[in-house]
Every structure is written in structure tokens, then in C-alpha cells.
Amino acid sequence: MSLPRRALVTAAALASALTLAACGSSSDAAADLAPAKGSTAPNGTAVNLTPQQNRVTTPKVDALAALVPEEIRRRGTLTVVDSLGTTPPLDFYANDDRTVIGVEPDIASLIGNVLGLKVEFNPVSWENIFVGLDSGKYDVGISNITVTEARKEKYDFATYRLDILGFEAKKGTGWKITGPKDIAGKTVAVSSGTNQEKLLIAWNEENTKNGLKAADIKYFQNSSDYYLALSSGRIDAFVGPNPVAAFHAVQTGETEVIGTYSGGGAEVLGKIGATTKKDSGLVKALNGAINEVIGNGSYAQVLKRWGLDAEAVPSSEVNPVGLPKPKP
């Protein structure tokens, strides 16, 4: 799964009224994410939007810290790269317009705690995550990155969350999506260059072979555009990371998730992984740190505070089976 380019969404904007979205003329990405019912996660937990996050912490584990490559240990910091876009509750800015908050920064901070490293966040555009990892500029990408067979050729993964996609539509339509036939003839939006796009294209191919009408795929690169298109009726649904869709639906009260699907496709349980350059020597430490926080309960606390309890993994895996490569 991938996330679109950086767009500055802040908690201050999240806490504003849904005025522009309601009249269907918003040019501000944040306006479409503003909560009508207060800042609440899908599980009912109140969301802290301030820079004083009071993050869940956990003790350092010396044996795991010793697994960190010497260069990083000597530096004392873990450089984390993420794609900071309009993606609550994954990662976004607090109401000071400066502090990075969300479930991804919380997970990264727990890893840093276990490994005895100060975490340095580096928000960039989606494509520059991989450019930075390739060049060695960043140690690890923690940004809702799906494990895929193609990516495993260049990167190592330590999994920390399930990859669940969500289809978001206007509330009360009665439409449900469980597979390809349910999008036949519909207009469905997606961000280009993502695994969600690959899913829609594959579903269209299957529908065409079965004599069904293909969905009309529309492309948007930030949430303000697709939420506006959804509210105006120009699209029937949008597919993206389920945490984002579910969080947005709760905030606005105007949309709902009408279907979920594995980010790994029909045959693979999709998983999100902390991503490092292949053979950098860091993945074993990341894997150990994630398993440590899963075991001591701090991981579950982090997922709960952002409403992502259902996306927990029982353990972290190194380079599990990922989304298959497209068939020739």
C-alpha cells in the first residue's frame, strides 16, 4: 500500500467545522477531514491532537540494542522516513502544525525505546521514501508500506500491522463491496502508483473476462480532492488504507466503509512492514524490537489509542510472503 504526496493536514484543521465540505467547494484538504462529532477514533477512543502526546513508552532491551548496526548505535539516532500526507490516524501534524503524530510515529517511537535510540522523523513525498532508503539517507521507512514480492528484492521488512484496504462511500447507500463484481459499472477513485490501484485494475480485468462492465477508475493524489468528488457525486467510492477511511467516516458522520479487502490480494494476508534497504543489517533488530513491544503490551496500547485494534499482528515476521508480482 502506498500513500500520496505530502499535503499539510494539521490537527487544528481536523478540529475545525465541516463547513466547506458540506457545501462541496473545499480547496483545503483539511476541511474535508474536520470532525463533525469531535476527534474520536473508530473504536470510540478520544484522540489527542496536541503536541503533548504522552506517548506509550517501553524500556530499552540491551540484547536487542546490541543487534543495531554499529554506525547507527554510534550515532544514537534512528532516522525514520515517512510520507506525511492527509492520512489521520497514520501520521499527520498536531495542532501546533509542527509535531508529527499518529500510529506510525508511535510505533517508531516504541522501536526507538527498545533499541535505545532517539527517533528522528523525516516526512517526504511517497516516492522519496524509497529514494532515501536506496541512498542510505534514512535507516527505516515506517509509513504504511505493504510487503510485496517486488519490493522484497530491494528491501527487508519487519511486519507490525495488517494491511487492510477500505472502500469509502456516502452513508446509507446500501452498497457493499466484497469482490470484483461489486464495483462493476461504478466510478471508483484511487491514488496512482499504489497497490490499491493494482487491485482495481485486476478487478476490472476479471470483470471484463466475466462479461461485466469495468469500473471507471478516477485518480486523485490527496484526500481533499476525492472527498469533494465523493460528496458531489462525481465518484461512487474511494479505495485506500482502511485506517484512513474508517477514521474519516467517524469524524464526518457522512460516509462509511462499505467493504474491506486484504492489501495482499485474494491469496495473501497483506502486512505492513518497517522497511530497510536490503541487507543493511537493521531488520533483525527491528523485528526483535517489534516482537518485544507486542509481548509486553505496549504495542496493543498504541493501536488502541488510534482505533486500530483490529489490525494487530500476533508477531513480527521478517520478509513474509507479500503481494504477488503482476502476472506477465
Protein backbone atom coordinates (compact mmCIF):
# COMPACT_ATOMS: atom_id res chain seq x y z
CA MET A 1 0.00 0.00 0.00
CA SER A 2 1.19 3.45 -0.68
CA LEU A 3 0.28 6.94 0.36
CA PRO A 4 0.05 10.04 -1.80
CA ARG A 5 2.26 13.10 -1.85
CA ARG A 6 2.69 15.34 1.16
CA ALA A 7 -0.21 17.66 1.94
CA LEU A 8 -0.13 19.63 5.14
CA VAL A 9 -3.02 18.39 7.25
CA THR A 10 -2.99 19.51 10.84
CA ALA A 11 -4.94 18.62 13.93
CA ALA A 12 -6.05 22.23 14.12
CA ALA A 13 -7.77 21.78 10.79
CA LEU A 14 -9.11 18.42 11.90
CA ALA A 15 -10.79 20.17 14.79
CA SER A 16 -12.48 22.82 12.65
CA ALA A 17 -16.05 22.70 11.33
CA LEU A 18 -17.05 20.85 8.15
CA THR A 19 -18.41 23.98 6.52
CA LEU A 20 -16.61 23.84 3.17
CA ALA A 21 -17.03 20.12 2.79
CA ALA A 22 -20.73 20.42 3.44
CA CYS A 23 -21.21 22.93 0.62
CA GLY A 24 -18.97 20.89 -1.68
CA SER A 25 -16.48 23.62 -2.52
CA SER A 26 -13.45 22.96 -0.40
CA SER A 27 -9.99 23.63 -1.76
CA ASP A 28 -8.45 22.84 1.61
CA ALA A 29 -7.57 19.20 2.26
CA ALA A 30 -8.05 19.68 5.96
CA ALA A 31 -11.59 20.89 5.66
CA ASP A 32 -12.71 17.51 4.40
CA LEU A 33 -11.19 15.78 7.40
CA ALA A 34 -12.74 18.06 10.02
CA PRO A 35 -14.73 16.12 12.60
CA ALA A 36 -18.43 16.81 12.99
CA LYS A 37 -18.55 14.66 16.10
CA GLY A 38 -15.29 15.50 17.81
CA SER A 39 -11.94 13.81 17.48
CA THR A 40 -12.74 10.18 18.11
CA ALA A 41 -11.13 7.00 16.79
CA PRO A 42 -13.34 4.30 15.22
CA ASN A 43 -13.22 2.30 18.47
CA GLY A 44 -14.60 5.28 20.44
CA THR A 45 -11.28 6.33 21.97
CA ALA A 46 -10.78 10.10 22.28
CA VAL A 47 -7.88 11.23 20.09
CA ASN A 48 -5.19 13.54 21.45
CA LEU A 49 -4.39 16.12 18.77
CA THR A 50 -1.93 18.20 20.81
CA PRO A 51 1.87 18.11 20.58
CA GLN A 52 1.90 16.78 24.16
CA GLN A 53 1.21 13.23 23.06
CA ASN A 54 2.18 11.43 26.26
CA ARG A 55 3.17 8.55 24.02
CA VAL A 56 3.26 4.99 25.28
CA THR A 57 6.85 4.14 26.20
CA THR A 58 8.75 0.97 26.94
CA PRO A 59 12.20 0.15 28.43
CA LYS A 60 15.37 -0.40 26.46
CA VAL A 61 16.39 -4.03 25.92
CA ASP A 62 20.16 -4.25 25.81
CA ALA A 63 20.28 -7.57 23.96
CA LEU A 64 18.17 -6.14 21.14
CA ALA A 65 20.01 -2.82 21.11
CA ALA A 66 23.21 -4.80 20.52
CA LEU A 67 21.75 -6.03 17.21
CA VAL A 68 21.67 -2.50 15.77
CA PRO A 69 24.45 -1.86 13.22
CA GLU A 70 27.44 -0.13 14.80
CA GLU A 71 27.12 3.04 12.72
CA ILE A 72 23.56 3.64 13.95
CA ARG A 73 24.45 2.78 17.56
CA ARG A 74 27.32 5.23 17.47
CA ARG A 75 25.09 7.95 16.02
CA GLY A 76 22.44 7.31 18.66
CA THR A 77 19.52 8.15 16.38
CA LEU A 78 17.18 6.13 14.20
CA THR A 79 16.33 8.12 11.06
CA VAL A 80 12.74 7.27 10.18
CA VAL A 81 11.26 8.36 6.85
CA ASP A 82 7.53 8.64 6.31
CA SER A 83 5.10 10.06 3.79
CA LEU A 84 3.28 12.74 5.73
CA GLY A 85 0.03 13.40 3.91
CA THR A 86 -3.65 13.74 4.67
CA THR A 87 -3.61 10.44 6.49
CA PRO A 88 -5.01 10.53 10.03
CA PRO A 89 -4.65 8.35 12.02
CA LEU A 90 -1.47 7.07 10.34
CA ASP A 91 0.65 10.23 10.51
CA PHE A 92 -0.18 13.92 10.46
CA TYR A 93 0.64 17.18 12.25
CA ALA A 94 -0.57 18.03 15.73
CA ASN A 95 -2.37 21.32 16.37
CA ASP A 96 0.96 23.13 16.60
CA ASP A 97 1.43 22.49 12.85
CA ARG A 98 4.86 21.05 13.60
CA THR A 99 4.75 17.88 15.71
CA VAL A 100 4.31 14.61 13.81
CA ILE A 101 1.67 12.41 15.45
CA GLY A 102 -0.24 9.23 14.62
CA VAL A 103 0.05 5.48 14.95
CA GLU A 104 3.14 5.25 12.71
CA PRO A 105 5.19 7.73 14.81
CA ASP A 106 4.02 5.93 17.95
CA ILE A 107 5.23 2.56 16.63
CA ALA A 108 8.52 4.13 15.53
CA SER A 109 8.96 5.64 19.00
CA LEU A 110 8.42 2.27 20.68
CA ILE A 111 11.06 0.72 18.43
CA GLY A 112 13.44 3.53 19.36
CA ASN A 113 12.74 2.95 23.06
CA VAL A 114 13.61 -0.75 22.84
CA LEU A 115 16.77 -0.12 20.82
CA GLY A 116 17.92 2.81 22.95
CA LEU A 117 17.81 5.23 20.02
CA LYS A 118 16.38 8.71 19.61
CA VAL A 119 13.89 8.69 16.74
CA GLU A 120 14.25 11.36 14.07
CA PHE A 121 11.22 11.78 11.79
CA ASN A 122 11.74 12.80 8.15
CA PRO A 123 8.47 13.46 6.27
CA VAL A 124 8.85 13.30 2.48
CA SER A 125 6.78 12.52 -0.60
CA TRP A 126 5.90 8.84 -1.10
CA GLU A 127 8.40 8.17 -3.88
CA ASN A 128 11.20 9.81 -1.91
CA ILE A 129 10.83 7.27 0.87
CA PHE A 130 12.41 4.69 -1.40
CA VAL A 131 14.91 7.11 -2.92
CA GLY A 132 16.10 7.93 0.61
CA LEU A 133 16.29 4.28 1.66
CA ASP A 134 18.19 3.36 -1.50
CA SER A 135 20.77 6.09 -0.92
CA GLY A 136 21.20 5.27 2.77
CA LYS A 137 19.94 8.70 3.82
CA TYR A 138 17.32 7.10 6.06
CA ASP A 139 17.54 3.97 8.18
CA VAL A 140 13.94 2.78 8.02
CA GLY A 141 10.63 3.62 6.40
CA ILE A 142 7.62 3.42 8.72
CA SER A 143 4.82 4.68 6.53
CA ASN A 144 2.12 2.07 5.90
CA ILE A 145 4.38 0.25 3.44
CA THR A 146 2.95 -3.04 2.18
CA VAL A 147 5.19 -6.08 1.90
CA THR A 148 5.28 -7.08 -1.77
CA GLU A 149 7.32 -9.66 -3.61
CA ALA A 150 8.70 -6.96 -5.90
CA ARG A 151 9.79 -4.74 -3.00
CA LYS A 152 11.44 -7.67 -1.22
CA GLU A 153 14.03 -7.73 -4.00
CA LYS A 154 15.35 -4.36 -2.78
CA TYR A 155 14.19 -4.07 0.84
CA ASP A 156 13.90 -6.03 4.06
CA PHE A 157 10.66 -5.91 6.07
CA ALA A 158 9.79 -6.41 9.74
CA THR A 159 6.00 -6.54 9.90
CA TYR A 160 3.98 -4.65 12.52
CA ARG A 161 0.40 -4.33 11.28
CA LEU A 162 -2.10 -5.96 8.94
CA ASP A 163 -2.64 -4.26 5.58
CA ILE A 164 -6.38 -3.74 5.19
CA LEU A 165 -7.86 -1.66 2.40
CA GLY A 166 -11.15 0.18 2.82
CA PHE A 167 -13.79 1.27 0.31
CA GLU A 168 -15.40 4.51 1.48
CA ALA A 169 -18.74 5.74 0.11
CA LYS A 170 -21.60 8.02 1.08
CA LYS A 171 -23.51 6.78 4.09
CA GLY A 172 -26.77 4.91 3.63
CA THR A 173 -26.42 3.74 0.03
CA GLY A 174 -26.86 0.08 0.93
CA TRP A 175 -23.94 -0.76 -1.38
CA LYS A 176 -21.43 -3.32 -0.11
CA ILE A 177 -18.15 -4.40 -1.68
CA THR A 178 -16.79 -7.91 -1.17
CA GLY A 179 -15.15 -8.56 -4.53
CA PRO A 180 -14.77 -7.56 -8.19
CA LYS A 181 -18.41 -7.89 -9.26
CA ASP A 182 -19.46 -5.27 -6.72
CA ILE A 183 -17.58 -2.45 -8.48
CA ALA A 184 -18.78 -3.33 -12.00
CA GLY A 185 -20.04 -0.18 -13.72
CA LYS A 186 -19.23 2.04 -10.73
CA THR A 187 -16.90 5.02 -10.59
CA VAL A 188 -14.17 4.32 -8.06
CA ALA A 189 -11.29 6.64 -7.16
CA VAL A 190 -7.77 5.73 -6.09
CA SER A 191 -4.32 7.27 -5.75
CA SER A 192 -1.99 6.42 -8.64
CA GLY A 193 1.06 4.26 -8.10
CA THR A 194 -0.48 2.39 -5.18
CA ASN A 195 -1.32 -1.22 -4.51
CA GLN A 196 -4.96 -0.14 -4.33
CA GLU A 197 -4.70 0.91 -7.97
CA LYS A 198 -3.30 -2.52 -8.88
CA LEU A 199 -6.26 -4.13 -7.11
CA LEU A 200 -8.81 -2.10 -9.09
CA ILE A 201 -7.08 -2.82 -12.38
CA ALA A 202 -7.02 -6.56 -11.61
CA TRP A 203 -10.69 -6.49 -10.65
CA ASN A 204 -11.57 -4.70 -13.88
CA GLU A 205 -9.74 -7.35 -15.88
CA GLU A 206 -11.64 -10.09 -14.05
CA ASN A 207 -14.98 -8.37 -14.58
CA THR A 208 -14.30 -7.86 -18.29
CA LYS A 209 -13.45 -11.56 -18.70
CA ASN A 210 -16.71 -12.44 -16.97
CA GLY A 211 -18.79 -10.19 -19.19
CA LEU A 212 -19.29 -7.46 -16.59
CA LYS A 213 -18.75 -3.75 -17.13
CA ALA A 214 -15.42 -2.39 -15.92
CA ALA A 215 -15.37 0.23 -13.19
CA ASP A 216 -14.44 3.76 -14.22
CA ILE A 217 -11.23 4.43 -12.28
CA LYS A 218 -10.57 8.05 -11.34
CA TYR A 219 -7.24 9.24 -9.96
CA PHE A 220 -6.69 11.64 -7.06
CA GLN A 221 -3.49 12.33 -5.16
CA ASN A 222 -4.85 13.96 -2.00
CA SER A 223 -7.86 13.48 0.22
CA SER A 224 -9.41 16.90 -0.32
CA ASP A 225 -9.96 16.05 -3.99
CA TYR A 226 -11.50 12.65 -3.54
CA TYR A 227 -13.65 13.66 -0.57
CA LEU A 228 -15.01 16.57 -2.60
CA ALA A 229 -15.66 14.26 -5.55
CA LEU A 230 -17.42 11.82 -3.24
CA SER A 231 -19.63 14.48 -1.64
CA SER A 232 -20.58 15.92 -5.06
CA GLY A 233 -21.41 12.51 -6.53
CA ARG A 234 -18.66 12.53 -9.17
CA ILE A 235 -17.36 9.24 -7.76
CA ASP A 236 -19.21 6.39 -6.07
CA ALA A 237 -16.38 5.30 -3.76
CA PHE A 238 -12.72 5.70 -2.93
CA VAL A 239 -10.36 2.87 -2.03
CA GLY A 240 -7.37 3.47 0.24
CA PRO A 241 -5.89 2.41 3.59
CA ASN A 242 -8.75 1.26 5.81
CA PRO A 243 -7.44 3.14 8.89
CA VAL A 244 -7.79 6.41 6.97
CA ALA A 245 -11.25 5.61 5.59
CA ALA A 246 -12.61 4.42 8.95
CA PHE A 247 -11.17 7.41 10.82
CA HIS A 248 -12.59 9.89 8.30
CA ALA A 249 -16.02 8.25 8.36
CA VAL A 250 -16.23 8.59 12.13
CA GLN A 251 -15.15 12.24 12.06
CA THR A 252 -17.63 13.39 9.41
CA GLY A 253 -20.60 11.11 10.01
CA GLU A 254 -21.36 11.47 6.29
CA THR A 255 -19.52 8.46 4.84
CA GLU A 256 -18.99 4.83 5.75
CA VAL A 257 -16.67 1.96 4.93
CA ILE A 258 -18.69 -0.33 2.66
CA GLY A 259 -16.10 -3.05 2.31
CA THR A 260 -12.60 -4.09 3.29
CA TYR A 261 -10.05 -6.23 1.48
CA SER A 262 -6.58 -7.58 2.14
CA GLY A 263 -3.82 -5.37 0.78
CA GLY A 264 -2.09 -8.60 -0.28
CA GLY A 265 -4.92 -9.62 -2.60
CA ALA A 266 -7.19 -12.64 -2.52
CA GLU A 267 -4.48 -15.20 -1.74
CA VAL A 268 -2.17 -13.35 0.67
CA LEU A 269 -2.86 -11.76 4.03
CA GLY A 270 -1.42 -8.29 3.47
CA LYS A 271 1.02 -6.93 6.03
CA ILE A 272 2.65 -3.58 6.70
CA GLY A 273 6.35 -3.58 7.49
CA ALA A 274 9.13 -1.40 8.79
CA THR A 275 11.23 -1.15 5.64
CA THR A 276 15.03 -1.05 5.33
CA LYS A 277 17.49 -1.28 2.47
CA LYS A 278 18.21 -4.90 1.60
CA ASP A 279 20.96 -6.41 3.75
CA SER A 280 21.50 -3.18 5.71
CA GLY A 281 21.79 -5.27 8.87
CA LEU A 282 18.94 -3.48 10.68
CA VAL A 283 15.95 -5.71 10.06
CA LYS A 284 16.78 -8.25 12.79
CA ALA A 285 16.86 -5.50 15.42
CA LEU A 286 13.59 -4.04 14.14
CA ASN A 287 11.95 -7.45 14.18
CA GLY A 288 13.15 -8.10 17.72
CA ALA A 289 12.00 -4.69 18.93
CA ILE A 290 8.53 -5.11 17.45
CA ASN A 291 8.15 -8.56 18.98
CA GLU A 292 9.28 -7.11 22.32
CA VAL A 293 6.54 -4.44 22.32
CA ILE A 294 3.94 -6.95 21.13
CA GLY A 295 4.90 -9.19 24.04
CA ASN A 296 4.92 -6.51 26.73
CA GLY A 297 1.58 -4.97 25.73
CA SER A 298 2.77 -1.51 24.72
CA TYR A 299 2.04 -2.28 21.06
CA ALA A 300 -1.61 -3.04 21.84
CA GLN A 301 -1.89 0.21 23.80
CA VAL A 302 -0.66 2.19 20.78
CA LEU A 303 -3.08 0.54 18.35
CA LYS A 304 -5.98 1.06 20.75
CA ARG A 305 -5.31 4.79 21.17
CA TRP A 306 -5.68 5.23 17.40
CA GLY A 307 -8.57 2.80 16.94
CA LEU A 308 -6.59 0.16 15.07
CA ASP A 309 -7.03 -2.79 17.41
CA ALA A 310 -8.32 -4.97 14.55
CA GLU A 311 -5.11 -4.55 12.56
CA ALA A 312 -2.77 -6.03 15.17
CA VAL A 313 -0.40 -8.85 14.24
CA PRO A 314 0.40 -11.62 16.77
CA SER A 315 4.10 -11.38 15.99
CA SER A 316 6.53 -9.58 13.70
CA GLU A 317 7.87 -11.50 10.73
CA VAL A 318 10.90 -10.83 8.57
CA ASN A 319 10.13 -10.79 4.84
CA PRO A 320 6.92 -12.87 4.85
CA VAL A 321 5.09 -13.74 1.65
CA GLY A 322 3.92 -10.46 0.13
CA LEU A 323 1.61 -9.16 -2.55
CA PRO A 324 2.45 -11.22 -5.66
CA LYS A 325 4.07 -9.67 -8.69
CA PRO A 326 1.67 -8.87 -11.53
CA LYS A 327 1.29 -11.74 -13.99
CA PRO A 328 3.02 -11.15 -17.35
